[in-house]
Structures are given as structure tokens and as C-alpha cells.
N, C-alpha and C. Protein backbone atom coordinates (compact mmCIF):
# COMPACT_ATOMS: atom_id res chain seq x y z
N MET A 1 38.90 -13.50 68.85
CA MET A 1 37.84 -13.19 67.87
C MET A 1 36.35 -13.50 68.02
N LEU A 2 36.14 -14.75 68.23
CA LEU A 2 34.59 -15.13 68.70
C LEU A 2 34.19 -14.79 69.50
N ALA A 3 35.11 -14.57 70.87
CA ALA A 3 34.53 -13.59 71.95
C ALA A 3 33.98 -12.34 71.81
N GLU A 4 34.88 -11.54 71.18
CA GLU A 4 34.28 -10.28 70.82
C GLU A 4 33.52 -10.04 69.80
N HIS A 5 33.18 -11.09 68.86
CA HIS A 5 31.82 -10.99 68.08
C HIS A 5 30.60 -11.25 69.06
N ALA A 6 30.72 -12.18 69.90
CA ALA A 6 29.70 -12.63 70.67
C ALA A 6 29.35 -11.62 71.82
N ALA A 7 30.23 -11.08 72.03
CA ALA A 7 30.04 -9.64 72.97
C ALA A 7 29.31 -8.30 72.55
N VAL A 8 29.65 -8.50 71.32
CA VAL A 8 28.87 -7.04 70.74
C VAL A 8 27.42 -7.09 70.53
N PRO A 9 26.69 -8.11 70.38
CA PRO A 9 25.17 -8.13 70.40
C PRO A 9 24.72 -8.18 71.80
N LEU A 10 25.35 -9.05 72.68
CA LEU A 10 25.30 -8.87 73.94
C LEU A 10 25.07 -7.46 74.50
N PHE A 11 26.15 -6.58 74.40
CA PHE A 11 26.52 -5.57 74.88
C PHE A 11 25.44 -4.60 74.46
N LYS A 12 24.77 -4.72 73.35
CA LYS A 12 23.64 -3.46 73.10
C LYS A 12 22.15 -4.17 73.84
N ILE A 13 22.23 -5.59 73.63
CA ILE A 13 20.74 -6.31 74.37
C ILE A 13 20.66 -6.41 75.71
N THR A 14 21.63 -6.73 76.30
CA THR A 14 21.10 -6.80 77.82
C THR A 14 21.55 -6.00 78.34
N PRO A 15 20.94 -5.75 79.82
CA PRO A 15 21.27 -4.86 80.81
C PRO A 15 22.68 -4.87 81.30
N ASN A 16 23.18 -3.80 82.15
CA ASN A 16 24.57 -3.96 82.94
C ASN A 16 25.06 -5.09 83.20
N ASN A 17 24.13 -5.78 84.20
CA ASN A 17 24.45 -6.99 85.16
C ASN A 17 24.94 -8.09 84.10
N ASN A 18 24.01 -8.38 83.11
CA ASN A 18 24.35 -9.38 82.06
C ASN A 18 25.29 -9.13 81.39
N MET A 19 25.65 -7.95 81.15
CA MET A 19 26.87 -7.50 80.00
C MET A 19 27.96 -7.75 80.58
N VAL A 20 28.06 -7.37 82.13
CA VAL A 20 29.14 -7.41 82.94
C VAL A 20 29.53 -9.01 82.85
N ALA A 21 28.57 -9.94 83.22
CA ALA A 21 28.74 -11.18 83.35
C ALA A 21 29.18 -12.03 82.17
N SER A 22 28.50 -11.30 81.00
CA SER A 22 28.96 -12.15 79.53
C SER A 22 30.50 -11.56 79.13
N ILE A 23 30.80 -10.31 79.53
CA ILE A 23 32.13 -9.74 79.01
C ILE A 23 33.20 -10.44 80.06
N ILE A 24 32.65 -10.74 81.52
CA ILE A 24 33.93 -11.93 82.40
C ILE A 24 33.95 -13.07 81.83
N GLY A 25 32.49 -13.64 81.34
CA GLY A 25 32.63 -15.11 80.87
C GLY A 25 33.44 -15.16 79.68
N ALA A 26 33.45 -14.05 78.68
CA ALA A 26 34.21 -14.28 77.42
C ALA A 26 35.69 -14.02 77.90
N THR A 27 36.19 -13.14 78.78
CA THR A 27 37.41 -13.16 79.27
C THR A 27 37.94 -14.26 79.66
N VAL A 28 37.18 -15.00 80.39
CA VAL A 28 37.55 -16.22 81.15
C VAL A 28 37.68 -17.36 80.40
N GLY A 29 36.73 -17.53 79.18
CA GLY A 29 36.72 -18.57 78.26
C GLY A 29 37.97 -18.48 77.39
N ALA A 30 38.34 -17.20 76.95
CA ALA A 30 39.36 -16.81 76.25
C ALA A 30 40.91 -17.17 77.17
N ILE A 31 40.83 -16.86 78.49
CA ILE A 31 42.07 -17.47 78.88
C ILE A 31 42.23 -18.84 79.04
N ILE A 32 41.39 -19.46 79.22
CA ILE A 32 41.26 -20.90 79.41
C ILE A 32 41.74 -21.66 78.23
N LEU A 33 41.21 -21.01 76.97
CA LEU A 33 41.59 -21.55 75.71
C LEU A 33 43.10 -21.36 75.38
N ILE A 34 43.65 -20.15 75.84
CA ILE A 34 45.11 -19.89 75.59
C ILE A 34 45.66 -20.82 76.45
N PHE A 35 45.24 -21.13 77.56
CA PHE A 35 46.24 -21.98 78.55
C PHE A 35 46.21 -23.34 77.80
N LEU A 36 45.19 -23.61 77.55
CA LEU A 36 45.06 -25.02 76.82
C LEU A 36 45.79 -25.11 75.46
N MET A 37 45.92 -24.09 74.72
CA MET A 37 46.72 -24.19 73.68
C MET A 37 47.90 -24.24 73.95
N ARG A 38 48.30 -23.44 74.95
CA ARG A 38 50.02 -23.47 75.29
C ARG A 38 50.59 -24.87 75.93
N LYS A 39 49.48 -25.58 76.51
CA LYS A 39 49.68 -27.09 76.84
C LYS A 39 50.00 -27.83 75.54
N PHE A 40 49.12 -28.13 74.38
CA PHE A 40 49.08 -28.74 73.48
C PHE A 40 50.19 -28.30 72.97
N ILE A 41 50.29 -26.82 72.54
CA ILE A 41 51.81 -26.70 71.91
C ILE A 41 53.09 -27.28 72.64
N LYS A 42 53.02 -27.12 73.91
CA LYS A 42 54.34 -27.74 74.82
C LYS A 42 54.39 -29.15 74.51
N THR A 43 53.13 -29.89 74.43
CA THR A 43 53.09 -31.58 74.30
C THR A 43 53.75 -31.60 73.15
N ALA A 44 53.16 -30.85 72.02
CA ALA A 44 53.48 -31.25 70.82
C ALA A 44 54.64 -31.01 70.42
């Protein structure tokens, strides 16, 4: 949710290169958060 909301204004403001970098960063961050949440859920 937060990654999508953060990507929307960047989508409109930044040029293509920064836009792609922000999208990749958001997706990678979301994947890392998902793996961390799965680890915490498994340990808990």
C-alpha cells in the first residue's frame, strides 16, 4: 500500500530513469518486507 502511494507522485514528477528506479526500489522493498514478515510469522 505505502509503496504504491509513494510511487504515484514520483510517477508524475520524475523523468523515466528515476521513475524506473523508484518502481524497482519499491518492488524490492516490498519483497524484502514480505520475506521478513514470513520469517517473523514462522518464528512466532
